[in-house]
Amino acid sequence: MKQKIQVHFLIILVLISSLISLSFFTKKSKKVVIKLGHIADPSHPYAKGAEKFADLVYEKSTGNIEVKVFPSSQLGGQKELIEGLVYGSVDMALVGTAVLGQFQPQISIFDLPFLFEDREHAYRSLDTVGMEIGEPLESKGIKLLGYMENGIRHITNNKRPILTPGDMKGLKIRVMTNKIYISMIKALGGSATPMAFGELYSAMQQGVVDGQENPSAHIYTKRFFEVQKHASLTAHAYAPEPMLISMVKWNSLSQSDQKLIEEAAQEAIIWQRNISTKEDKDFWDKIKETRKMQVVEVNRKPFMDATQTVYAEFAELVGKDNIDKIMALKKN
């Protein structure tokens, strides 16, 4: 009788041990899927950055976490992506600061014209001041992981070469729905027309707007050179691309998975910035090769002088202390 009890006890122990092991294995092997959306063409540098991030996460998690990337506004425009992050219907997104600034005004500081002296100054600012500014987003349901790069913005149009601010007079220039960009175009003498990115190509084709401003990557990958005759290398703004994750998704992850996501994001950001810098020149070379768009250099100082009023107008909104911090990071 005693032996039977001992045998039954051993069997029960084995079963319990097996169930615990099975439960642990099931929990451990349960796959996490993360949906990441953005508006760019798959050949855009930050689209490639999103794919690099997905590869790094898959590799670091040994396949336990899969990031599915949805380019070309498949999950919605930038405003819809941000709202999706807040409500948890979108897990991750890459969006512009110009749109994100509607949810966190201080992050609009990076839309100020001629803010950075070069890319390295931009990176130093984004990785320090930019991360501090992004912290309040967490209380709104979004976590900032860092900043990829959209590129350096330039003006194109269909009417004439823009060599001075005076050449902007009377031109209808599409901008993002962002007060700083609207004021910047007005300060330069143009007429700012807010419009969704997805509507821009047809608007230029049909003459609804005369021109637009964007980095070379968008100008080439979205084939704006087909419907625009002139490009002026104004380099009037640097466009970062914040990498965001929904707090709903973030809080559902284990601490180890959160750390893994952060590490993969930082590696992908460094990789993407290098690709973006290299491909910026390549895109301009390709645009010139089409012979459909005239590309001209400009003296940037008159444009810089004309847009100083924008700083006075928005210093309170973005925080004068933040502007000062960024200026202090200049080499010269």
C-alpha atoms as a PDB file:
ATOM      1  CA  MET A   1       0.000   0.000   0.000  1.00  0.00           C
ATOM      2  CA  LYS A   2       2.813   2.311   0.959  1.00  0.00           C
ATOM      3  CA  GLN A   3       4.621   1.534  -2.296  1.00  0.00           C
ATOM      4  CA  LYS A   4       1.491   2.309  -4.329  1.00  0.00           C
ATOM      5  CA  ILE A   5       1.152   5.703  -2.631  1.00  0.00           C
ATOM      6  CA  GLN A   6       4.808   6.451  -3.354  1.00  0.00           C
ATOM      7  CA  VAL A   7       4.371   5.450  -7.021  1.00  0.00           C
ATOM      8  CA  HIS A   8       1.242   7.586  -7.352  1.00  0.00           C
ATOM      9  CA  PHE A   9       3.049  10.470  -5.678  1.00  0.00           C
ATOM     10  CA  LEU A  10       5.964  10.139  -8.120  1.00  0.00           C
ATOM     11  CA  ILE A  11       3.576  10.046 -11.077  1.00  0.00           C
ATOM     12  CA  ILE A  12       1.853  13.202  -9.846  1.00  0.00           C
ATOM     13  CA  LEU A  13       5.221  14.935  -9.427  1.00  0.00           C
ATOM     14  CA  VAL A  14       6.244  13.974 -12.958  1.00  0.00           C
ATOM     15  CA  LEU A  15       2.921  15.257 -14.339  1.00  0.00           C
ATOM     16  CA  ILE A  16       3.210  18.548 -12.469  1.00  0.00           C
ATOM     17  CA  SER A  17       6.799  18.950 -13.636  1.00  0.00           C
ATOM     18  CA  SER A  18       5.751  18.230 -17.228  1.00  0.00           C
ATOM     19  CA  LEU A  19       2.897  20.739 -17.066  1.00  0.00           C
ATOM     20  CA  ILE A  20       5.200  23.431 -15.664  1.00  0.00           C
ATOM     21  CA  SER A  21       7.770  22.730 -18.393  1.00  0.00           C
ATOM     22  CA  LEU A  22       5.097  22.747 -21.084  1.00  0.00           C
ATOM     23  CA  SER A  23       3.640  25.998 -19.742  1.00  0.00           C
ATOM     24  CA  PHE A  24       7.089  27.604 -19.684  1.00  0.00           C
ATOM     25  CA  PHE A  25       7.880  26.382 -23.191  1.00  0.00           C
ATOM     26  CA  THR A  26       4.536  27.592 -24.545  1.00  0.00           C
ATOM     27  CA  LYS A  27       4.990  31.008 -22.951  1.00  0.00           C
ATOM     28  CA  LYS A  28       8.570  31.199 -24.133  1.00  0.00           C
ATOM     29  CA  SER A  29       7.802  30.183 -27.694  1.00  0.00           C
ATOM     30  CA  LYS A  30       4.682  32.322 -28.132  1.00  0.00           C
ATOM     31  CA  LYS A  31       5.416  34.590 -31.080  1.00  0.00           C
ATOM     32  CA  VAL A  32       5.067  38.360 -30.753  1.00  0.00           C
ATOM     33  CA  VAL A  33       3.967  40.222 -33.877  1.00  0.00           C
ATOM     34  CA  ILE A  34       4.498  43.971 -34.210  1.00  0.00           C
ATOM     35  CA  LYS A  35       2.924  45.987 -37.029  1.00  0.00           C
ATOM     36  CA  LEU A  36       4.987  49.013 -38.125  1.00  0.00           C
ATOM     37  CA  GLY A  37       3.515  51.556 -40.548  1.00  0.00           C
ATOM     38  CA  HIS A  38       4.889  54.534 -42.488  1.00  0.00           C
ATOM     39  CA  ILE A  39       3.982  56.568 -45.592  1.00  0.00           C
ATOM     40  CA  ALA A  40       7.187  56.226 -47.637  1.00  0.00           C
ATOM     41  CA  ASP A  41       7.861  54.205 -50.762  1.00  0.00           C
ATOM     42  CA  PRO A  42       9.704  50.928 -49.923  1.00  0.00           C
ATOM     43  CA  SER A  43      12.842  52.250 -51.643  1.00  0.00           C
ATOM     44  CA  HIS A  44      13.023  55.315 -49.356  1.00  0.00           C
ATOM     45  CA  PRO A  45      15.973  55.314 -46.886  1.00  0.00           C
ATOM     46  CA  TYR A  46      13.770  55.289 -43.794  1.00  0.00           C
ATOM     47  CA  ALA A  47      11.660  52.504 -45.319  1.00  0.00           C
ATOM     48  CA  LYS A  48      14.900  50.545 -45.606  1.00  0.00           C
ATOM     49  CA  GLY A  49      15.618  51.501 -41.992  1.00  0.00           C
ATOM     50  CA  ALA A  50      12.296  49.995 -40.942  1.00  0.00           C
ATOM     51  CA  GLU A  51      13.182  46.744 -42.722  1.00  0.00           C
ATOM     52  CA  LYS A  52      16.635  46.734 -41.086  1.00  0.00           C
ATOM     53  CA  PHE A  53      14.964  47.154 -37.695  1.00  0.00           C
ATOM     54  CA  ALA A  54      12.639  44.232 -38.463  1.00  0.00           C
ATOM     55  CA  ASP A  55      15.619  42.043 -39.417  1.00  0.00           C
ATOM     56  CA  LEU A  56      17.526  42.984 -36.263  1.00  0.00           C
ATOM     57  CA  VAL A  57      14.542  42.247 -34.004  1.00  0.00           C
ATOM     58  CA  TYR A  58      13.986  38.852 -35.675  1.00  0.00           C
ATOM     59  CA  GLU A  59      17.669  37.988 -35.327  1.00  0.00           C
ATOM     60  CA  LYS A  60      18.038  39.154 -31.721  1.00  0.00           C
ATOM     61  CA  SER A  61      14.843  37.367 -30.644  1.00  0.00           C
ATOM     62  CA  THR A  62      15.750  34.229 -32.631  1.00  0.00           C
ATOM     63  CA  GLY A  63      12.464  34.555 -34.461  1.00  0.00           C
ATOM     64  CA  ASN A  64      10.315  35.028 -31.374  1.00  0.00           C
ATOM     65  CA  ILE A  65       9.408  38.614 -32.341  1.00  0.00           C
ATOM     66  CA  GLU A  66       8.350  39.455 -35.877  1.00  0.00           C
ATOM     67  CA  VAL A  67       8.043  43.055 -37.072  1.00  0.00           C
ATOM     68  CA  LYS A  68       5.766  43.343 -40.089  1.00  0.00           C
ATOM     69  CA  VAL A  69       6.399  46.565 -42.036  1.00  0.00           C
ATOM     70  CA  PHE A  70       3.558  48.295 -43.903  1.00  0.00           C
ATOM     71  CA  PRO A  71       4.917  51.044 -46.225  1.00  0.00           C
ATOM     72  CA  SER A  72       3.172  53.541 -48.531  1.00  0.00           C
ATOM     73  CA  SER A  73       0.392  54.549 -46.098  1.00  0.00           C
ATOM     74  CA  GLN A  74      -1.060  51.011 -45.982  1.00  0.00           C
ATOM     75  CA  LEU A  75      -1.994  51.589 -42.326  1.00  0.00           C
ATOM     76  CA  GLY A  76      -3.032  55.200 -42.955  1.00  0.00           C
ATOM     77  CA  GLY A  77      -1.511  58.662 -43.286  1.00  0.00           C
ATOM     78  CA  GLN A  78       0.738  60.100 -40.603  1.00  0.00           C
ATOM     79  CA  LYS A  79      -2.091  61.534 -38.505  1.00  0.00           C
ATOM     80  CA  GLU A  80      -3.946  58.197 -38.626  1.00  0.00           C
ATOM     81  CA  LEU A  81      -0.751  56.354 -37.670  1.00  0.00           C
ATOM     82  CA  ILE A  82      -0.234  58.557 -34.617  1.00  0.00           C
ATOM     83  CA  GLU A  83      -3.859  58.160 -33.535  1.00  0.00           C
ATOM     84  CA  GLY A  84      -3.483  54.402 -34.030  1.00  0.00           C
ATOM     85  CA  LEU A  85      -0.469  54.401 -31.695  1.00  0.00           C
ATOM     86  CA  VAL A  86      -2.443  56.247 -29.024  1.00  0.00           C
ATOM     87  CA  TYR A  87      -5.344  53.765 -29.155  1.00  0.00           C
ATOM     88  CA  GLY A  88      -3.167  50.696 -29.714  1.00  0.00           C
ATOM     89  CA  SER A  89      -4.531  49.795 -33.160  1.00  0.00           C
ATOM     90  CA  VAL A  90      -1.067  50.497 -34.629  1.00  0.00           C
ATOM     91  CA  ASP A  91       1.953  49.012 -32.818  1.00  0.00           C
ATOM     92  CA  MET A  92       4.783  51.090 -34.285  1.00  0.00           C
ATOM     93  CA  ALA A  93       5.225  53.915 -36.782  1.00  0.00           C
ATOM     94  CA  LEU A  94       7.705  56.231 -38.420  1.00  0.00           C
ATOM     95  CA  VAL A  95       6.221  59.729 -38.759  1.00  0.00           C
ATOM     96  CA  GLY A  96       7.461  63.285 -39.302  1.00  0.00           C
ATOM     97  CA  THR A  97       7.925  65.793 -36.483  1.00  0.00           C
ATOM     98  CA  ALA A  98       5.726  68.216 -38.420  1.00  0.00           C
ATOM     99  CA  VAL A  99       2.682  65.992 -37.806  1.00  0.00           C
ATOM    100  CA  LEU A 100       3.801  64.647 -34.423  1.00  0.00           C
ATOM    101  CA  GLY A 101       4.047  68.267 -33.266  1.00  0.00           C
ATOM    102  CA  GLN A 102       0.249  68.424 -33.279  1.00  0.00           C
ATOM    103  CA  PHE A 103       0.345  65.949 -30.367  1.00  0.00           C
ATOM    104  CA  GLN A 104       3.506  67.241 -28.638  1.00  0.00           C
ATOM    105  CA  PRO A 105       4.136  70.910 -29.607  1.00  0.00           C
ATOM    106  CA  GLN A 106       7.748  71.101 -28.388  1.00  0.00           C
ATOM    107  CA  ILE A 107       8.861  68.420 -30.842  1.00  0.00           C
ATOM    108  CA  SER A 108       8.011  70.930 -33.587  1.00  0.00           C
ATOM    109  CA  ILE A 109      11.314  72.598 -32.737  1.00  0.00           C
ATOM    110  CA  PHE A 110      12.932  70.343 -35.337  1.00  0.00           C
ATOM    111  CA  ASP A 111      10.781  71.947 -38.049  1.00  0.00           C
ATOM    112  CA  LEU A 112      12.354  75.372 -37.528  1.00  0.00           C
ATOM    113  CA  PRO A 113      14.152  76.563 -40.676  1.00  0.00           C
ATOM    114  CA  PHE A 114      17.956  76.379 -40.800  1.00  0.00           C
ATOM    115  CA  LEU A 115      18.131  74.976 -37.244  1.00  0.00           C
ATOM    116  CA  PHE A 116      21.208  72.771 -37.730  1.00  0.00           C
ATOM    117  CA  GLU A 117      24.625  73.617 -39.124  1.00  0.00           C
ATOM    118  CA  ASP A 118      25.098  70.084 -40.497  1.00  0.00           C
ATOM    119  CA  ARG A 119      23.946  66.483 -40.077  1.00  0.00           C
ATOM    120  CA  GLU A 120      26.266  65.798 -37.134  1.00  0.00           C
ATOM    121  CA  HIS A 121      24.771  68.762 -35.272  1.00  0.00           C
ATOM    122  CA  ALA A 122      21.328  67.344 -36.017  1.00  0.00           C
ATOM    123  CA  TYR A 123      22.265  63.904 -34.674  1.00  0.00           C
ATOM    124  CA  ARG A 124      23.767  65.342 -31.459  1.00  0.00           C
ATOM    125  CA  SER A 125      20.629  67.406 -30.895  1.00  0.00           C
ATOM    126  CA  LEU A 126      18.149  64.635 -31.670  1.00  0.00           C
ATOM    127  CA  ASP A 127      19.910  62.063 -29.491  1.00  0.00           C
ATOM    128  CA  THR A 128      19.946  64.385 -26.453  1.00  0.00           C
ATOM    129  CA  VAL A 129      17.488  67.299 -26.527  1.00  0.00           C
ATOM    130  CA  GLY A 130      15.218  65.366 -28.886  1.00  0.00           C
ATOM    131  CA  MET A 131      14.888  62.413 -26.521  1.00  0.00           C
ATOM    132  CA  GLU A 132      14.108  64.737 -23.581  1.00  0.00           C
ATOM    133  CA  ILE A 133      11.410  66.506 -25.594  1.00  0.00           C
ATOM    134  CA  GLY A 134       9.910  63.139 -26.535  1.00  0.00           C
ATOM    135  CA  GLU A 135       9.388  61.942 -22.949  1.00  0.00           C
ATOM    136  CA  PRO A 136       5.977  63.652 -22.458  1.00  0.00           C
ATOM    137  CA  LEU A 137       4.625  61.558 -25.342  1.00  0.00           C
ATOM    138  CA  GLU A 138       4.505  58.542 -23.008  1.00  0.00           C
ATOM    139  CA  SER A 139       1.666  60.019 -20.965  1.00  0.00           C
ATOM    140  CA  LYS A 140      -0.235  60.387 -24.254  1.00  0.00           C
ATOM    141  CA  GLY A 141       0.224  56.729 -25.180  1.00  0.00           C
ATOM    142  CA  ILE A 142       3.371  56.866 -27.351  1.00  0.00           C
ATOM    143  CA  LYS A 143       6.998  55.992 -26.615  1.00  0.00           C
ATOM    144  CA  LEU A 144       9.823  57.567 -28.627  1.00  0.00           C
ATOM    145  CA  LEU A 145      12.609  55.087 -29.442  1.00  0.00           C
ATOM    146  CA  GLY A 146      14.786  57.526 -31.398  1.00  0.00           C
ATOM    147  CA  TYR A 147      15.032  59.403 -34.678  1.00  0.00           C
ATOM    148  CA  MET A 148      15.679  58.034 -38.127  1.00  0.00           C
ATOM    149  CA  GLU A 149      16.244  60.478 -40.976  1.00  0.00           C
ATOM    150  CA  ASN A 150      13.862  61.654 -43.680  1.00  0.00           C
ATOM    151  CA  GLY A 151      16.462  64.009 -45.127  1.00  0.00           C
ATOM    152  CA  ILE A 152      17.282  67.608 -45.953  1.00  0.00           C
ATOM    153  CA  ARG A 153      14.383  69.529 -47.445  1.00  0.00           C
ATOM    154  CA  HIS A 154      14.519  71.589 -50.658  1.00  0.00           C
ATOM    155  CA  ILE A 155      11.970  73.530 -52.708  1.00  0.00           C
ATOM    156  CA  THR A 156      10.692  72.499 -56.151  1.00  0.00           C
ATOM    157  CA  ASN A 157       8.194  74.233 -58.411  1.00  0.00           C
ATOM    158  CA  ASN A 158       6.781  74.394 -61.932  1.00  0.00           C
ATOM    159  CA  LYS A 159       7.028  78.120 -62.660  1.00  0.00           C
ATOM    160  CA  ARG A 160      10.630  79.325 -62.463  1.00  0.00           C
ATOM    161  CA  PRO A 161      14.029  78.747 -60.825  1.00  0.00           C
ATOM    162  CA  ILE A 162      14.020  79.961 -57.222  1.00  0.00           C
ATOM    163  CA  LEU A 163      17.354  81.679 -56.576  1.00  0.00           C
ATOM    164  CA  THR A 164      16.262  84.257 -53.987  1.00  0.00           C
ATOM    165  CA  PRO A 165      13.288  84.635 -51.627  1.00  0.00           C
ATOM    166  CA  GLY A 166      11.899  87.165 -54.085  1.00  0.00           C
ATOM    167  CA  ASP A 167      11.418  84.349 -56.614  1.00  0.00           C
ATOM    168  CA  MET A 168       8.924  82.738 -54.223  1.00  0.00           C
ATOM    169  CA  LYS A 169       6.418  85.559 -54.570  1.00  0.00           C
ATOM    170  CA  GLY A 170       3.014  84.338 -55.692  1.00  0.00           C
ATOM    171  CA  LEU A 171       3.963  80.642 -55.790  1.00  0.00           C
ATOM    172  CA  LYS A 172       1.528  78.170 -54.201  1.00  0.00           C
ATOM    173  CA  ILE A 173       3.735  75.750 -52.262  1.00  0.00           C
ATOM    174  CA  ARG A 174       2.330  72.615 -50.662  1.00  0.00           C
ATOM    175  CA  VAL A 175       3.354  72.124 -47.040  1.00  0.00           C
ATOM    176  CA  MET A 176       2.427  69.684 -44.314  1.00  0.00           C
ATOM    177  CA  THR A 177      -0.343  70.731 -41.942  1.00  0.00           C
ATOM    178  CA  ASN A 178       2.096  72.462 -39.634  1.00  0.00           C
ATOM    179  CA  LYS A 179       2.097  76.082 -38.459  1.00  0.00           C
ATOM    180  CA  ILE A 180       5.883  76.441 -38.629  1.00  0.00           C
ATOM    181  CA  TYR A 181       6.058  75.331 -42.266  1.00  0.00           C
ATOM    182  CA  ILE A 182       3.163  77.631 -43.176  1.00  0.00           C
ATOM    183  CA  SER A 183       4.897  80.598 -41.545  1.00  0.00           C
ATOM    184  CA  MET A 184       8.226  79.708 -43.149  1.00  0.00           C
ATOM    185  CA  ILE A 185       6.789  79.719 -46.685  1.00  0.00           C
ATOM    186  CA  LYS A 186       4.952  82.986 -45.962  1.00  0.00           C
ATOM    187  CA  ALA A 187       8.186  84.539 -44.650  1.00  0.00           C
ATOM    188  CA  LEU A 188       9.847  83.578 -47.923  1.00  0.00           C
ATOM    189  CA  GLY A 189       7.080  85.271 -49.914  1.00  0.00           C
ATOM    190  CA  GLY A 190       5.202  82.178 -51.071  1.00  0.00           C
ATOM    191  CA  SER A 191       1.622  81.068 -50.508  1.00  0.00           C
ATOM    192  CA  ALA A 192       1.534  78.007 -48.219  1.00  0.00           C
ATOM    193  CA  THR A 193      -1.034  75.327 -49.074  1.00  0.00           C
ATOM    194  CA  PRO A 194      -1.410  72.564 -46.444  1.00  0.00           C
ATOM    195  CA  MET A 195      -2.132  69.197 -48.044  1.00  0.00           C
ATOM    196  CA  ALA A 196      -1.804  65.474 -47.311  1.00  0.00           C
ATOM    197  CA  PHE A 197       1.274  63.850 -48.831  1.00  0.00           C
ATOM    198  CA  GLY A 198      -0.800  61.266 -50.701  1.00  0.00           C
ATOM    199  CA  GLU A 199      -2.595  64.021 -52.634  1.00  0.00           C
ATOM    200  CA  LEU A 200       0.532  65.925 -53.630  1.00  0.00           C
ATOM    201  CA  TYR A 201       1.549  64.295 -56.926  1.00  0.00           C
ATOM    202  CA  SER A 202      -1.855  64.781 -58.561  1.00  0.00           C
ATOM    203  CA  ALA A 203      -2.136  68.311 -57.123  1.00  0.00           C
ATOM    204  CA  MET A 204       1.123  69.278 -58.820  1.00  0.00           C
ATOM    205  CA  GLN A 205       0.130  67.468 -62.000  1.00  0.00           C
ATOM    206  CA  GLN A 206      -3.179  69.337 -62.158  1.00  0.00           C
ATOM    207  CA  GLY A 207      -1.722  72.718 -61.161  1.00  0.00           C
ATOM    208  CA  VAL A 208      -3.572  72.936 -57.855  1.00  0.00           C
ATOM    209  CA  VAL A 209      -0.199  73.873 -56.340  1.00  0.00           C
ATOM    210  CA  ASP A 210       2.908  75.221 -58.080  1.00  0.00           C
ATOM    211  CA  GLY A 211       5.428  73.391 -55.967  1.00  0.00           C
ATOM    212  CA  GLN A 212       6.393  71.655 -52.750  1.00  0.00           C
ATOM    213  CA  GLU A 213       9.345  71.081 -50.415  1.00  0.00           C
ATOM    214  CA  ASN A 214      10.795  67.701 -49.503  1.00  0.00           C
ATOM    215  CA  PRO A 215      14.046  65.736 -49.241  1.00  0.00           C
ATOM    216  CA  SER A 216      15.574  64.218 -52.384  1.00  0.00           C
ATOM    217  CA  ALA A 217      14.404  60.724 -51.406  1.00  0.00           C
ATOM    218  CA  HIS A 218      10.718  61.690 -51.687  1.00  0.00           C
ATOM    219  CA  ILE A 219      11.319  63.813 -54.786  1.00  0.00           C
ATOM    220  CA  TYR A 220      12.851  60.812 -56.553  1.00  0.00           C
ATOM    221  CA  THR A 221      10.948  57.810 -55.163  1.00  0.00           C
ATOM    222  CA  LYS A 222       7.564  59.566 -55.562  1.00  0.00           C
ATOM    223  CA  ARG A 223       8.658  60.745 -59.039  1.00  0.00           C
ATOM    224  CA  PHE A 224       7.937  64.413 -58.374  1.00  0.00           C
ATOM    225  CA  PHE A 225      10.476  65.218 -61.093  1.00  0.00           C
ATOM    226  CA  GLU A 226       7.810  64.134 -63.598  1.00  0.00           C
ATOM    227  CA  VAL A 227       5.504  66.997 -62.587  1.00  0.00           C
ATOM    228  CA  GLN A 228       8.017  69.642 -61.432  1.00  0.00           C
ATOM    229  CA  LYS A 229      10.475  71.562 -63.618  1.00  0.00           C
ATOM    230  CA  HIS A 230      12.725  73.310 -61.080  1.00  0.00           C
ATOM    231  CA  ALA A 231      14.500  72.289 -57.874  1.00  0.00           C
ATOM    232  CA  SER A 232      16.365  74.780 -55.680  1.00  0.00           C
ATOM    233  CA  LEU A 233      18.830  73.390 -53.139  1.00  0.00           C
ATOM    234  CA  THR A 234      17.675  75.618 -50.296  1.00  0.00           C
ATOM    235  CA  ALA A 235      18.328  73.009 -47.573  1.00  0.00           C
ATOM    236  CA  HIS A 236      15.887  75.069 -45.515  1.00  0.00           C
ATOM    237  CA  ALA A 237      15.087  72.330 -43.014  1.00  0.00           C
ATOM    238  CA  TYR A 238      16.347  69.003 -41.742  1.00  0.00           C
ATOM    239  CA  ALA A 239      13.630  66.365 -41.427  1.00  0.00           C
ATOM    240  CA  PRO A 240      14.034  63.705 -38.744  1.00  0.00           C
ATOM    241  CA  GLU A 241      11.700  60.712 -38.683  1.00  0.00           C
ATOM    242  CA  PRO A 242      10.731  59.751 -35.112  1.00  0.00           C
ATOM    243  CA  MET A 243      10.532  56.026 -34.451  1.00  0.00           C
ATOM    244  CA  LEU A 244       7.530  55.389 -32.199  1.00  0.00           C
ATOM    245  CA  ILE A 245       5.877  52.487 -30.404  1.00  0.00           C
ATOM    246  CA  SER A 246       2.419  52.408 -28.845  1.00  0.00           C
ATOM    247  CA  MET A 247       2.475  52.281 -25.034  1.00  0.00           C
ATOM    248  CA  VAL A 248      -0.242  49.634 -25.314  1.00  0.00           C
ATOM    249  CA  LYS A 249       2.185  47.393 -27.203  1.00  0.00           C
ATOM    250  CA  TRP A 250       5.183  48.442 -25.116  1.00  0.00           C
ATOM    251  CA  ASN A 251       3.488  47.540 -21.830  1.00  0.00           C
ATOM    252  CA  SER A 252       2.499  44.134 -23.209  1.00  0.00           C
ATOM    253  CA  LEU A 253       6.167  43.221 -23.755  1.00  0.00           C
ATOM    254  CA  SER A 254       8.444  41.618 -21.175  1.00  0.00           C
ATOM    255  CA  GLN A 255      11.343  43.701 -19.864  1.00  0.00           C
ATOM    256  CA  SER A 256      13.808  41.608 -21.857  1.00  0.00           C
ATOM    257  CA  ASP A 257      11.796  42.134 -25.052  1.00  0.00           C
ATOM    258  CA  GLN A 258      11.602  45.879 -24.362  1.00  0.00           C
ATOM    259  CA  LYS A 259      15.383  46.001 -24.016  1.00  0.00           C
ATOM    260  CA  LEU A 260      15.762  44.021 -27.231  1.00  0.00           C
ATOM    261  CA  ILE A 261      13.466  46.442 -29.108  1.00  0.00           C
ATOM    262  CA  GLU A 262      15.418  49.455 -27.833  1.00  0.00           C
ATOM    263  CA  GLU A 263      18.768  47.940 -28.811  1.00  0.00           C
ATOM    264  CA  ALA A 264      17.517  47.015 -32.287  1.00  0.00           C
ATOM    265  CA  ALA A 265      16.084  50.521 -32.741  1.00  0.00           C
ATOM    266  CA  GLN A 266      19.401  52.198 -31.892  1.00  0.00           C
ATOM    267  CA  GLU A 267      21.342  49.928 -34.245  1.00  0.00           C
ATOM    268  CA  ALA A 268      18.817  50.459 -37.041  1.00  0.00           C
ATOM    269  CA  ILE A 269      18.881  54.252 -36.565  1.00  0.00           C
ATOM    270  CA  ILE A 270      22.677  54.434 -36.931  1.00  0.00           C
ATOM    271  CA  TRP A 271      22.533  52.171 -39.993  1.00  0.00           C
ATOM    272  CA  GLN A 272      19.686  54.164 -41.565  1.00  0.00           C
ATOM    273  CA  ARG A 273      21.347  57.557 -41.069  1.00  0.00           C
ATOM    274  CA  ASN A 274      24.429  56.311 -42.905  1.00  0.00           C
ATOM    275  CA  ILE A 275      22.311  54.985 -45.784  1.00  0.00           C
ATOM    276  CA  SER A 276      20.323  58.226 -45.954  1.00  0.00           C
ATOM    277  CA  THR A 277      23.470  60.364 -46.170  1.00  0.00           C
ATOM    278  CA  LYS A 278      24.901  58.241 -48.968  1.00  0.00           C
ATOM    279  CA  GLU A 279      21.682  57.977 -50.950  1.00  0.00           C
ATOM    280  CA  ASP A 280      20.910  61.707 -50.738  1.00  0.00           C
ATOM    281  CA  LYS A 281      23.613  62.413 -53.342  1.00  0.00           C
ATOM    282  CA  ASP A 282      22.606  59.355 -55.356  1.00  0.00           C
ATOM    283  CA  PHE A 283      18.997  60.552 -55.581  1.00  0.00           C
ATOM    284  CA  TRP A 284      20.040  63.995 -56.846  1.00  0.00           C
ATOM    285  CA  ASP A 285      22.271  62.352 -59.442  1.00  0.00           C
ATOM    286  CA  LYS A 286      19.351  60.205 -60.598  1.00  0.00           C
ATOM    287  CA  ILE A 287      17.021  63.216 -60.731  1.00  0.00           C
ATOM    288  CA  LYS A 288      19.513  65.128 -62.874  1.00  0.00           C
ATOM    289  CA  GLU A 289      19.917  62.111 -65.173  1.00  0.00           C
ATOM    290  CA  THR A 290      16.199  62.233 -66.021  1.00  0.00           C
ATOM    291  CA  ARG A 291      16.747  65.710 -67.578  1.00  0.00           C
ATOM    292  CA  LYS A 292      13.191  66.534 -66.511  1.00  0.00           C
ATOM    293  CA  MET A 293      14.064  68.792 -63.598  1.00  0.00           C
ATOM    294  CA  GLN A 294      16.559  71.646 -63.475  1.00  0.00           C
ATOM    295  CA  VAL A 295      18.509  71.552 -60.201  1.00  0.00           C
ATOM    296  CA  VAL A 296      20.141  74.801 -59.064  1.00  0.00           C
ATOM    297  CA  GLU A 297      22.379  75.810 -56.152  1.00  0.00           C
ATOM    298  CA  VAL A 298      21.380  78.913 -54.176  1.00  0.00           C
ATOM    299  CA  ASN A 299      22.944  81.356 -51.767  1.00  0.00           C
ATOM    300  CA  ARG A 300      21.210  80.226 -48.585  1.00  0.00           C
ATOM    301  CA  LYS A 301      21.917  83.344 -46.490  1.00  0.00           C
ATOM    302  CA  PRO A 302      19.033  85.477 -47.869  1.00  0.00           C
ATOM    303  CA  PHE A 303      16.674  82.561 -47.160  1.00  0.00           C
ATOM    304  CA  MET A 304      18.062  82.246 -43.621  1.00  0.00           C
ATOM    305  CA  ASP A 305      17.664  85.969 -43.001  1.00  0.00           C
ATOM    306  CA  ALA A 306      14.105  85.991 -44.328  1.00  0.00           C
ATOM    307  CA  THR A 307      12.986  83.207 -41.980  1.00  0.00           C
ATOM    308  CA  GLN A 308      14.342  84.618 -38.700  1.00  0.00           C
ATOM    309  CA  THR A 309      10.857  85.905 -37.894  1.00  0.00           C
ATOM    310  CA  VAL A 310       9.719  82.273 -37.589  1.00  0.00           C
ATOM    311  CA  TYR A 311      11.944  81.798 -34.527  1.00  0.00           C
ATOM    312  CA  ALA A 312      10.430  84.797 -32.755  1.00  0.00           C
ATOM    313  CA  GLU A 313       6.933  83.560 -33.572  1.00  0.00           C
ATOM    314  CA  PHE A 314       7.391  80.011 -32.245  1.00  0.00           C
ATOM    315  CA  ALA A 315      10.033  80.336 -29.503  1.00  0.00           C
ATOM    316  CA  GLU A 316       7.434  80.082 -26.745  1.00  0.00           C
ATOM    317  CA  LEU A 317       5.695  77.083 -28.325  1.00  0.00           C
ATOM    318  CA  VAL A 318       8.830  74.964 -28.773  1.00  0.00           C
ATOM    319  CA  GLY A 319      10.666  76.346 -25.748  1.00  0.00           C
ATOM    320  CA  LYS A 320      13.409  78.967 -25.992  1.00  0.00           C
ATOM    321  CA  ASP A 321      15.480  76.861 -23.582  1.00  0.00           C
ATOM    322  CA  ASN A 322      15.320  73.995 -26.075  1.00  0.00           C
ATOM    323  CA  ILE A 323      16.495  76.276 -28.885  1.00  0.00           C
ATOM    324  CA  ASP A 324      19.369  77.441 -26.663  1.00  0.00           C
ATOM    325  CA  LYS A 325      20.351  73.841 -25.879  1.00  0.00           C
ATOM    326  CA  ILE A 326      20.472  72.994 -29.582  1.00  0.00           C
ATOM    327  CA  MET A 327      22.489  76.119 -30.401  1.00  0.00           C
ATOM    328  CA  ALA A 328      24.957  75.170 -27.640  1.00  0.00           C
ATOM    329  CA  LEU A 329      25.610  71.866 -29.438  1.00  0.00           C
ATOM    330  CA  LYS A 330      27.018  73.624 -32.503  1.00  0.00           C
ATOM    331  CA  LYS A 331      30.722  73.136 -33.145  1.00  0.00           C
ATOM    332  CA  ASN A 332      31.230  76.757 -34.162  1.00  0.00           C
END
